[in-house]
Amino acid sequence: MSLSWRHRQAAAPRSWPRPTARPARGAARSGGDASAGSVSVMFVVLFAGVLVLAGLLVDASRVLAANADASDLAAKAARAGAQEIDLASLRTGAGAGNGTVGSADRGPGAGAGGVSGVVLDRAAAEAAARDYLDRHGIDGTAAATSTTITVTVSLHIPYTLLALSGTAGETVVQTRSAVATRSP
C-alpha cells in the first residue's frame, strides 16, 4: 500500500533544527551583526526631520495668517478713525475745496484740508481707532494728521511645534492708513 503525500510528510522526521533557548536580556550575543541597530537610528533621525518640517509648516502658516489678520485689523481701525471728521471745519468750509485757484493742482474738491477737503478731528480719530483695537483685544497705536490716520498693530504668535526648539514665537507688525474723504 502506498502512502499519500500528507502521510509521508507526517511520517518523515524533521530535518530542520529545533529552536534553541534565547539568550537572557543584557547578555552578549555571540557572532552578532554590527548593523543590528542601524535601522532604529535611521528611523529616529528621519522622524526628527519630519517633525521639524511639520513644525515649520504649521507655525509658518500660523504666522502668515496672523500677518493677514494684523493687516486687516489695522485697516479697519484706520477706517474707524477716518470717520471722525472735524465738524466745525466742515460747517465753515475751512477744509472744503470749492474749485478755486488754490486747489486746482490737487484736483476738484480739494482744499486746504488735503486731497479730499475733509479735516479730521485728530483726538477723536485716534481715540476711535484705539477703541476699535481695544474692543478686539489688540495691541496697537494710532496717529492722526489733519487728513490721514495711521494705525500700527502688533500681534505675537506663539509657536506650537517649533517651541520644542526653544523659540518662543514671532511678532507680526502691520501699519495701515486711511484718508478721510467726502464721498465713498
N, C-alpha and C. Protein backbone atom coordinates (compact mmCIF):
# COMPACT_ATOMS: atom_id res chain seq x y z
N MET A 1 0.82 -1.16 0.00
CA MET A 1 0.00 0.00 0.00
C MET A 1 0.88 1.25 0.00
N SER A 2 0.44 2.20 -0.75
CA SER A 2 1.23 3.43 -0.92
C SER A 2 0.65 4.54 -0.05
N LEU A 3 1.53 5.28 0.61
CA LEU A 3 1.09 6.40 1.46
C LEU A 3 0.90 7.65 0.61
N SER A 4 -0.09 8.45 0.99
CA SER A 4 -0.29 9.73 0.28
C SER A 4 0.81 10.71 0.67
N TRP A 5 0.83 11.79 -0.02
CA TRP A 5 1.87 12.79 0.22
C TRP A 5 1.83 13.31 1.65
N ARG A 6 0.63 13.56 2.14
CA ARG A 6 0.50 14.06 3.51
C ARG A 6 0.97 13.04 4.53
N HIS A 7 0.69 11.83 4.30
CA HIS A 7 1.10 10.82 5.25
C HIS A 7 2.61 10.64 5.24
N ARG A 8 3.24 10.76 4.07
CA ARG A 8 4.68 10.66 4.01
C ARG A 8 5.35 11.82 4.75
N GLN A 9 4.77 13.01 4.64
CA GLN A 9 5.33 14.17 5.34
C GLN A 9 5.23 13.97 6.85
N ALA A 10 4.14 13.46 7.29
CA ALA A 10 3.96 13.27 8.72
C ALA A 10 4.88 12.18 9.25
N ALA A 11 5.16 11.20 8.44
CA ALA A 11 5.98 10.08 8.89
C ALA A 11 7.47 10.41 8.83
N ALA A 12 7.85 11.34 7.98
CA ALA A 12 9.27 11.65 7.84
C ALA A 12 9.76 12.47 9.02
N PRO A 13 10.96 12.21 9.47
CA PRO A 13 11.50 13.00 10.59
C PRO A 13 11.84 14.43 10.13
N ARG A 14 11.75 15.36 11.03
CA ARG A 14 12.04 16.76 10.71
C ARG A 14 13.53 16.91 10.48
N SER A 15 13.85 17.69 9.44
CA SER A 15 15.26 17.86 9.14
C SER A 15 15.78 19.24 9.55
N TRP A 16 14.91 20.16 9.92
CA TRP A 16 15.40 21.48 10.32
C TRP A 16 15.73 21.50 11.80
N PRO A 17 16.59 22.40 12.17
CA PRO A 17 16.99 22.40 13.59
C PRO A 17 15.88 22.93 14.49
N ARG A 18 15.81 22.41 15.64
CA ARG A 18 14.85 22.86 16.64
C ARG A 18 15.31 24.22 17.19
N PRO A 19 14.36 25.12 17.53
CA PRO A 19 14.77 26.41 18.09
C PRO A 19 15.46 26.22 19.43
N THR A 20 16.46 27.02 19.65
CA THR A 20 17.19 26.95 20.90
C THR A 20 16.69 28.05 21.83
N ALA A 21 17.07 27.99 23.04
CA ALA A 21 16.64 28.99 24.02
C ALA A 21 17.29 30.33 23.68
N ARG A 22 16.55 31.40 23.86
CA ARG A 22 17.07 32.75 23.61
C ARG A 22 18.02 33.15 24.73
N PRO A 23 19.01 34.00 24.37
CA PRO A 23 19.91 34.47 25.44
C PRO A 23 19.15 35.41 26.37
N ALA A 24 19.56 35.46 27.59
CA ALA A 24 18.92 36.34 28.57
C ALA A 24 19.13 37.79 28.18
N ARG A 25 18.22 38.66 28.63
CA ARG A 25 18.36 40.09 28.33
C ARG A 25 19.67 40.61 28.89
N GLY A 26 20.30 41.45 28.08
CA GLY A 26 21.55 42.04 28.52
C GLY A 26 22.76 41.16 28.28
N ALA A 27 22.55 39.90 27.96
CA ALA A 27 23.67 39.00 27.70
C ALA A 27 24.22 39.29 26.32
N ALA A 28 25.51 39.19 26.17
CA ALA A 28 26.15 39.47 24.88
C ALA A 28 25.83 38.35 23.90
N ARG A 29 25.56 38.75 22.68
CA ARG A 29 25.30 37.76 21.64
C ARG A 29 26.62 37.38 20.99
N SER A 30 26.75 36.15 20.72
CA SER A 30 27.96 35.73 20.02
C SER A 30 27.71 35.79 18.53
N GLY A 31 28.65 36.34 17.80
CA GLY A 31 28.51 36.42 16.35
C GLY A 31 27.45 37.40 15.91
N GLY A 32 27.20 38.47 16.70
CA GLY A 32 26.17 39.45 16.36
C GLY A 32 26.54 40.28 15.15
N ASP A 33 25.53 40.84 14.50
CA ASP A 33 25.74 41.68 13.33
C ASP A 33 26.04 43.11 13.78
N ALA A 34 27.02 43.77 13.18
CA ALA A 34 27.41 45.12 13.57
C ALA A 34 26.37 46.17 13.21
N SER A 35 25.50 45.89 12.24
CA SER A 35 24.48 46.87 11.81
C SER A 35 23.11 46.55 12.39
N ALA A 36 23.06 45.85 13.51
CA ALA A 36 21.78 45.42 14.07
C ALA A 36 20.89 46.57 14.48
N GLY A 37 21.41 47.71 14.96
CA GLY A 37 20.59 48.83 15.41
C GLY A 37 20.55 49.99 14.45
N SER A 38 21.09 49.82 13.26
CA SER A 38 21.18 50.94 12.32
C SER A 38 19.82 51.39 11.81
N VAL A 39 18.88 50.51 11.70
CA VAL A 39 17.55 50.89 11.25
C VAL A 39 16.88 51.78 12.29
N SER A 40 17.06 51.50 13.54
CA SER A 40 16.47 52.32 14.60
C SER A 40 17.05 53.73 14.61
N VAL A 41 18.35 53.87 14.44
CA VAL A 41 18.99 55.18 14.42
C VAL A 41 18.50 55.97 13.20
N MET A 42 18.42 55.32 12.04
CA MET A 42 17.94 55.99 10.84
C MET A 42 16.49 56.44 11.03
N PHE A 43 15.67 55.61 11.65
CA PHE A 43 14.28 55.97 11.89
C PHE A 43 14.18 57.19 12.81
N VAL A 44 14.99 57.25 13.84
CA VAL A 44 14.98 58.39 14.77
C VAL A 44 15.39 59.67 14.05
N VAL A 45 16.42 59.61 13.23
CA VAL A 45 16.88 60.79 12.50
C VAL A 45 15.82 61.26 11.51
N LEU A 46 15.23 60.33 10.76
CA LEU A 46 14.18 60.71 9.80
C LEU A 46 12.94 61.25 10.52
N PHE A 47 12.58 60.68 11.65
CA PHE A 47 11.42 61.16 12.40
C PHE A 47 11.65 62.57 12.91
N ALA A 48 12.86 62.86 13.37
CA ALA A 48 13.18 64.21 13.84
C ALA A 48 13.11 65.20 12.69
N GLY A 49 13.58 64.81 11.52
CA GLY A 49 13.50 65.68 10.35
C GLY A 49 12.06 65.96 9.94
N VAL A 50 11.23 64.94 9.95
CA VAL A 50 9.81 65.12 9.61
C VAL A 50 9.13 66.00 10.65
N LEU A 51 9.47 65.85 11.90
CA LEU A 51 8.89 66.68 12.95
C LEU A 51 9.26 68.15 12.77
N VAL A 52 10.51 68.43 12.41
CA VAL A 52 10.94 69.81 12.17
C VAL A 52 10.20 70.40 10.96
N LEU A 53 10.08 69.62 9.90
CA LEU A 53 9.35 70.11 8.71
C LEU A 53 7.88 70.36 9.03
N ALA A 54 7.27 69.49 9.80
CA ALA A 54 5.87 69.71 10.19
C ALA A 54 5.75 70.96 11.05
N GLY A 55 6.71 71.18 11.93
CA GLY A 55 6.70 72.38 12.75
C GLY A 55 6.83 73.63 11.92
N LEU A 56 7.71 73.60 10.93
CA LEU A 56 7.84 74.75 10.03
C LEU A 56 6.55 75.00 9.27
N LEU A 57 5.94 73.96 8.79
CA LEU A 57 4.71 74.11 8.02
C LEU A 57 3.58 74.68 8.87
N VAL A 58 3.38 74.12 10.04
CA VAL A 58 2.29 74.56 10.91
C VAL A 58 2.53 75.98 11.42
N ASP A 59 3.71 76.23 11.95
CA ASP A 59 3.97 77.53 12.55
C ASP A 59 4.12 78.64 11.52
N ALA A 60 4.69 78.34 10.36
CA ALA A 60 4.80 79.35 9.31
C ALA A 60 3.41 79.73 8.78
N SER A 61 2.53 78.76 8.67
CA SER A 61 1.17 79.09 8.22
C SER A 61 0.43 79.92 9.26
N ARG A 62 0.67 79.67 10.53
CA ARG A 62 0.05 80.49 11.58
C ARG A 62 0.56 81.92 11.54
N VAL A 63 1.86 82.10 11.27
CA VAL A 63 2.43 83.45 11.19
C VAL A 63 1.88 84.19 9.97
N LEU A 64 1.76 83.50 8.84
CA LEU A 64 1.19 84.14 7.65
C LEU A 64 -0.27 84.54 7.87
N ALA A 65 -1.03 83.69 8.52
CA ALA A 65 -2.42 84.03 8.80
C ALA A 65 -2.51 85.21 9.77
N ALA A 66 -1.64 85.25 10.76
CA ALA A 66 -1.63 86.38 11.71
C ALA A 66 -1.21 87.67 11.02
N ASN A 67 -0.33 87.57 10.05
CA ASN A 67 0.09 88.75 9.29
C ASN A 67 -1.11 89.34 8.53
N ALA A 68 -1.90 88.48 7.92
CA ALA A 68 -3.10 88.95 7.22
C ALA A 68 -4.12 89.52 8.20
N ASP A 69 -4.29 88.88 9.35
CA ASP A 69 -5.22 89.39 10.36
C ASP A 69 -4.79 90.75 10.88
N ALA A 70 -3.50 90.92 11.15
CA ALA A 70 -2.99 92.20 11.65
C ALA A 70 -3.20 93.30 10.62
N SER A 71 -2.97 93.00 9.36
CA SER A 71 -3.19 93.97 8.29
C SER A 71 -4.67 94.36 8.23
N ASP A 72 -5.54 93.39 8.31
CA ASP A 72 -6.98 93.63 8.26
C ASP A 72 -7.44 94.47 9.46
N LEU A 73 -6.97 94.13 10.65
CA LEU A 73 -7.36 94.88 11.84
C LEU A 73 -6.84 96.32 11.81
N ALA A 74 -5.62 96.51 11.33
CA ALA A 74 -5.08 97.86 11.24
C ALA A 74 -5.87 98.70 10.24
N ALA A 75 -6.24 98.11 9.12
CA ALA A 75 -7.02 98.85 8.12
C ALA A 75 -8.40 99.20 8.65
N LYS A 76 -9.04 98.27 9.35
CA LYS A 76 -10.38 98.54 9.89
C LYS A 76 -10.33 99.62 10.97
N ALA A 77 -9.31 99.57 11.82
CA ALA A 77 -9.17 100.59 12.86
C ALA A 77 -8.90 101.96 12.24
N ALA A 78 -8.11 101.99 11.17
CA ALA A 78 -7.84 103.26 10.49
C ALA A 78 -9.10 103.81 9.85
N ARG A 79 -9.91 102.94 9.26
CA ARG A 79 -11.18 103.41 8.68
C ARG A 79 -12.13 103.91 9.76
N ALA A 80 -12.12 103.26 10.92
CA ALA A 80 -12.97 103.74 12.02
C ALA A 80 -12.52 105.12 12.47
N GLY A 81 -11.22 105.35 12.51
CA GLY A 81 -10.70 106.66 12.90
C GLY A 81 -10.94 107.72 11.84
N ALA A 82 -10.93 107.32 10.57
CA ALA A 82 -11.12 108.28 9.48
C ALA A 82 -12.55 108.81 9.40
N GLN A 83 -13.45 108.20 10.12
CA GLN A 83 -14.83 108.67 10.14
C GLN A 83 -15.02 109.84 11.11
N GLU A 84 -14.04 110.10 11.93
CA GLU A 84 -14.14 111.18 12.92
C GLU A 84 -13.64 112.49 12.30
N ILE A 85 -14.51 113.16 11.59
CA ILE A 85 -14.12 114.42 10.94
C ILE A 85 -14.41 115.60 11.86
N ASP A 86 -13.72 116.68 11.61
CA ASP A 86 -13.91 117.92 12.37
C ASP A 86 -15.15 118.62 11.82
N LEU A 87 -16.22 118.57 12.57
CA LEU A 87 -17.50 119.12 12.09
C LEU A 87 -17.45 120.64 11.95
N ALA A 88 -16.68 121.30 12.81
CA ALA A 88 -16.60 122.76 12.73
C ALA A 88 -15.98 123.19 11.40
N SER A 89 -14.91 122.52 10.99
CA SER A 89 -14.29 122.88 9.71
C SER A 89 -15.18 122.49 8.54
N LEU A 90 -15.96 121.42 8.71
CA LEU A 90 -16.89 121.03 7.65
C LEU A 90 -18.01 122.06 7.49
N ARG A 91 -18.51 122.58 8.62
CA ARG A 91 -19.59 123.56 8.57
C ARG A 91 -19.12 124.91 8.02
N THR A 92 -17.91 125.31 8.40
CA THR A 92 -17.41 126.61 7.95
C THR A 92 -16.80 126.53 6.57
N GLY A 93 -16.54 125.32 6.10
CA GLY A 93 -15.95 125.16 4.78
C GLY A 93 -14.46 125.41 4.77
N ALA A 94 -13.82 125.37 5.94
CA ALA A 94 -12.39 125.64 6.01
C ALA A 94 -11.58 124.59 5.25
N GLY A 95 -12.02 123.36 5.28
CA GLY A 95 -11.28 122.33 4.58
C GLY A 95 -11.90 121.97 3.25
N ALA A 96 -13.03 122.56 2.93
CA ALA A 96 -13.72 122.16 1.71
C ALA A 96 -13.16 122.88 0.51
N GLY A 97 -12.91 122.14 -0.51
CA GLY A 97 -12.44 122.74 -1.75
C GLY A 97 -13.62 123.26 -2.55
N ASN A 98 -13.45 124.37 -3.18
CA ASN A 98 -14.55 124.92 -3.96
C ASN A 98 -14.14 125.16 -5.40
N GLY A 99 -13.03 124.53 -5.79
CA GLY A 99 -12.60 124.67 -7.16
C GLY A 99 -11.91 125.99 -7.45
N THR A 100 -11.47 126.70 -6.43
CA THR A 100 -10.78 127.97 -6.65
C THR A 100 -9.34 127.71 -7.05
N VAL A 101 -8.62 128.76 -7.33
CA VAL A 101 -7.25 128.65 -7.84
C VAL A 101 -6.34 127.88 -6.89
N GLY A 102 -6.50 128.02 -5.60
CA GLY A 102 -5.61 127.38 -4.64
C GLY A 102 -5.72 125.87 -4.61
N SER A 103 -6.80 125.33 -5.11
CA SER A 103 -6.98 123.89 -5.02
C SER A 103 -6.94 123.20 -6.36
N ALA A 104 -6.66 123.90 -7.42
CA ALA A 104 -6.71 123.31 -8.76
C ALA A 104 -5.64 122.25 -8.96
N ASP A 105 -4.48 122.40 -8.34
CA ASP A 105 -3.41 121.43 -8.57
C ASP A 105 -3.66 120.12 -7.84
N ARG A 106 -4.59 120.06 -6.90
CA ARG A 106 -4.86 118.82 -6.16
C ARG A 106 -6.14 118.15 -6.63
N GLY A 107 -6.75 118.68 -7.65
CA GLY A 107 -7.96 118.06 -8.18
C GLY A 107 -9.20 118.76 -7.71
N PRO A 108 -10.30 118.50 -8.37
CA PRO A 108 -11.55 119.14 -7.97
C PRO A 108 -11.99 118.69 -6.58
N GLY A 109 -12.49 119.62 -5.81
CA GLY A 109 -12.98 119.31 -4.46
C GLY A 109 -11.90 119.36 -3.42
N ALA A 110 -10.64 119.56 -3.80
CA ALA A 110 -9.55 119.60 -2.83
C ALA A 110 -9.42 121.02 -2.29
N GLY A 111 -9.09 121.12 -1.06
CA GLY A 111 -8.93 122.43 -0.45
C GLY A 111 -7.77 122.40 0.52
N ALA A 112 -7.81 123.24 1.52
CA ALA A 112 -6.73 123.35 2.49
C ALA A 112 -6.58 122.08 3.31
N GLY A 113 -7.63 121.30 3.43
CA GLY A 113 -7.57 120.09 4.22
C GLY A 113 -6.86 118.95 3.53
N GLY A 114 -6.52 119.04 2.29
CA GLY A 114 -5.83 117.96 1.61
C GLY A 114 -6.57 117.57 0.35
N VAL A 115 -6.31 116.38 -0.11
CA VAL A 115 -6.88 115.90 -1.36
C VAL A 115 -8.40 115.86 -1.30
N SER A 116 -8.96 115.44 -0.18
CA SER A 116 -10.40 115.29 -0.10
C SER A 116 -11.11 116.55 0.40
N GLY A 117 -10.39 117.46 1.01
CA GLY A 117 -11.00 118.66 1.54
C GLY A 117 -11.67 118.44 2.88
N VAL A 118 -11.46 117.30 3.52
CA VAL A 118 -12.05 116.99 4.81
C VAL A 118 -10.95 117.01 5.86
N VAL A 119 -11.22 117.65 7.00
CA VAL A 119 -10.25 117.74 8.08
C VAL A 119 -10.69 116.79 9.20
N LEU A 120 -9.74 116.00 9.70
CA LEU A 120 -10.02 115.08 10.81
C LEU A 120 -9.94 115.79 12.15
N ASP A 121 -10.77 115.35 13.06
CA ASP A 121 -10.62 115.71 14.47
C ASP A 121 -9.57 114.73 15.00
N ARG A 122 -8.34 115.19 15.15
CA ARG A 122 -7.22 114.29 15.45
C ARG A 122 -7.44 113.46 16.71
N ALA A 123 -7.83 114.12 17.78
CA ALA A 123 -8.02 113.39 19.05
C ALA A 123 -9.13 112.36 18.93
N ALA A 124 -10.24 112.73 18.31
CA ALA A 124 -11.35 111.80 18.16
C ALA A 124 -10.99 110.65 17.23
N ALA A 125 -10.23 110.93 16.17
CA ALA A 125 -9.83 109.88 15.23
C ALA A 125 -8.91 108.87 15.91
N GLU A 126 -7.94 109.36 16.66
CA GLU A 126 -7.04 108.45 17.38
C GLU A 126 -7.79 107.64 18.42
N ALA A 127 -8.71 108.29 19.13
CA ALA A 127 -9.50 107.59 20.15
C ALA A 127 -10.39 106.53 19.51
N ALA A 128 -10.99 106.81 18.37
CA ALA A 128 -11.86 105.83 17.70
C ALA A 128 -11.05 104.62 17.22
N ALA A 129 -9.86 104.88 16.70
CA ALA A 129 -9.02 103.77 16.25
C ALA A 129 -8.55 102.92 17.43
N ARG A 130 -8.13 103.57 18.52
CA ARG A 130 -7.71 102.81 19.71
C ARG A 130 -8.88 102.06 20.32
N ASP A 131 -10.07 102.66 20.30
CA ASP A 131 -11.26 101.99 20.81
C ASP A 131 -11.57 100.73 19.99
N TYR A 132 -11.43 100.82 18.68
CA TYR A 132 -11.65 99.65 17.83
C TYR A 132 -10.65 98.53 18.19
N LEU A 133 -9.40 98.90 18.36
CA LEU A 133 -8.39 97.90 18.72
C LEU A 133 -8.66 97.31 20.10
N ASP A 134 -9.07 98.15 21.06
CA ASP A 134 -9.37 97.67 22.41
C ASP A 134 -10.55 96.70 22.42
N ARG A 135 -11.57 97.00 21.62
CA ARG A 135 -12.74 96.10 21.55
C ARG A 135 -12.37 94.73 21.03
N HIS A 136 -11.33 94.66 20.22
CA HIS A 136 -10.89 93.38 19.65
C HIS A 136 -9.70 92.78 20.40
N GLY A 137 -9.28 93.44 21.48
CA GLY A 137 -8.19 92.91 22.30
C GLY A 137 -6.84 92.91 21.60
N ILE A 138 -6.57 93.93 20.81
CA ILE A 138 -5.34 94.01 20.01
C ILE A 138 -4.47 95.16 20.51
N ASP A 139 -3.15 94.92 20.56
CA ASP A 139 -2.21 95.98 20.89
C ASP A 139 -1.90 96.77 19.63
N GLY A 140 -1.92 98.10 19.76
CA GLY A 140 -1.62 98.92 18.61
C GLY A 140 -1.56 100.39 18.97
N THR A 141 -1.12 101.19 18.00
CA THR A 141 -1.04 102.64 18.17
C THR A 141 -1.76 103.31 17.03
N ALA A 142 -2.17 104.55 17.27
CA ALA A 142 -2.85 105.35 16.24
C ALA A 142 -2.27 106.76 16.29
N ALA A 143 -2.02 107.30 15.11
CA ALA A 143 -1.52 108.67 14.99
C ALA A 143 -2.28 109.33 13.84
N ALA A 144 -2.80 110.54 14.09
CA ALA A 144 -3.59 111.23 13.08
C ALA A 144 -2.95 112.56 12.71
N THR A 145 -3.11 112.91 11.44
CA THR A 145 -2.78 114.25 10.96
C THR A 145 -4.11 114.91 10.63
N SER A 146 -4.08 116.03 9.97
CA SER A 146 -5.34 116.71 9.66
C SER A 146 -6.16 115.95 8.62
N THR A 147 -5.56 115.07 7.84
CA THR A 147 -6.30 114.36 6.80
C THR A 147 -6.18 112.85 6.85
N THR A 148 -5.17 112.33 7.53
CA THR A 148 -4.87 110.90 7.48
C THR A 148 -4.69 110.35 8.89
N ILE A 149 -5.14 109.12 9.08
CA ILE A 149 -4.87 108.42 10.34
C ILE A 149 -4.10 107.16 10.01
N THR A 150 -3.07 106.90 10.79
CA THR A 150 -2.21 105.73 10.59
C THR A 150 -2.28 104.87 11.84
N VAL A 151 -2.56 103.58 11.64
CA VAL A 151 -2.69 102.63 12.76
C VAL A 151 -1.65 101.53 12.58
N THR A 152 -0.95 101.23 13.67
CA THR A 152 0.03 100.14 13.68
C THR A 152 -0.43 99.09 14.67
N VAL A 153 -0.49 97.84 14.21
CA VAL A 153 -0.95 96.72 15.02
C VAL A 153 0.19 95.72 15.15
N SER A 154 0.37 95.19 16.36
CA SER A 154 1.36 94.13 16.57
C SER A 154 0.69 92.94 17.24
N LEU A 155 0.95 91.77 16.69
CA LEU A 155 0.42 90.52 17.24
C LEU A 155 1.58 89.57 17.52
N HIS A 156 1.57 88.93 18.67
CA HIS A 156 2.59 87.92 18.98
C HIS A 156 1.96 86.54 18.78
N ILE A 157 2.62 85.73 17.97
CA ILE A 157 2.13 84.38 17.68
C ILE A 157 3.08 83.37 18.33
N PRO A 158 2.63 82.67 19.36
CA PRO A 158 3.49 81.65 19.97
C PRO A 158 3.58 80.42 19.06
N TYR A 159 4.77 79.85 18.97
CA TYR A 159 4.95 78.64 18.16
C TYR A 159 4.36 77.44 18.88
N THR A 160 3.89 76.48 18.11
CA THR A 160 3.37 75.25 18.70
C THR A 160 4.43 74.15 18.62
N LEU A 161 4.79 73.74 17.42
CA LEU A 161 5.77 72.66 17.29
C LEU A 161 7.21 73.16 17.37
N LEU A 162 7.46 74.35 16.85
CA LEU A 162 8.82 74.88 16.91
C LEU A 162 9.19 75.36 18.31
N ALA A 163 8.23 75.40 19.22
CA ALA A 163 8.55 75.75 20.60
C ALA A 163 9.46 74.69 21.22
N LEU A 164 9.43 73.48 20.67
CA LEU A 164 10.31 72.42 21.16
C LEU A 164 11.78 72.76 20.91
N SER A 165 12.03 73.62 19.93
CA SER A 165 13.41 74.01 19.63
C SER A 165 13.89 75.15 20.51
N GLY A 166 13.02 75.69 21.35
CA GLY A 166 13.40 76.76 22.26
C GLY A 166 13.01 78.15 21.80
N THR A 167 12.40 78.27 20.62
CA THR A 167 11.97 79.56 20.10
C THR A 167 10.56 79.84 20.60
N ALA A 168 10.35 81.04 21.15
CA ALA A 168 9.06 81.35 21.77
C ALA A 168 7.97 81.64 20.74
N GLY A 169 8.28 82.39 19.71
CA GLY A 169 7.26 82.74 18.72
C GLY A 169 7.72 83.89 17.86
N GLU A 170 6.78 84.48 17.16
CA GLU A 170 7.05 85.56 16.21
C GLU A 170 6.10 86.71 16.48
N THR A 171 6.58 87.94 16.33
CA THR A 171 5.74 89.12 16.46
C THR A 171 5.52 89.71 15.07
N VAL A 172 4.26 89.89 14.72
CA VAL A 172 3.88 90.42 13.42
C VAL A 172 3.43 91.86 13.61
N VAL A 173 3.95 92.78 12.78
CA VAL A 173 3.59 94.20 12.87
C VAL A 173 3.09 94.65 11.50
N GLN A 174 1.93 95.29 11.49
CA GLN A 174 1.35 95.82 10.26
C GLN A 174 0.90 97.26 10.49
N THR A 175 1.10 98.11 9.50
CA THR A 175 0.69 99.51 9.57
C THR A 175 -0.19 99.83 8.37
N ARG A 176 -1.32 100.44 8.63
CA ARG A 176 -2.24 100.85 7.57
C ARG A 176 -2.72 102.26 7.85
N SER A 177 -3.06 102.97 6.77
CA SER A 177 -3.53 104.36 6.87
C SER A 177 -4.86 104.51 6.15
N ALA A 178 -5.63 105.48 6.59
CA ALA A 178 -6.88 105.81 5.93
C ALA A 178 -6.99 107.33 5.82
N VAL A 179 -7.58 107.78 4.74
CA VAL A 179 -7.74 109.20 4.47
C VAL A 179 -9.24 109.50 4.52
N ALA A 180 -9.59 110.57 5.24
CA ALA A 180 -10.99 110.98 5.30
C ALA A 180 -11.38 111.60 3.96
N THR A 181 -12.51 111.18 3.42
CA THR A 181 -12.98 111.72 2.13
C THR A 181 -14.42 112.18 2.25
N ARG A 182 -14.84 112.96 1.28
CA ARG A 182 -16.22 113.46 1.25
C ARG A 182 -17.20 112.40 0.82
N SER A 183 -16.83 111.59 -0.11
CA SER A 183 -17.77 110.61 -0.64
C SER A 183 -17.12 109.24 -0.66
N PRO A 184 -17.92 108.19 -0.74
CA PRO A 184 -17.37 106.84 -0.70
C PRO A 184 -16.52 106.46 -1.85
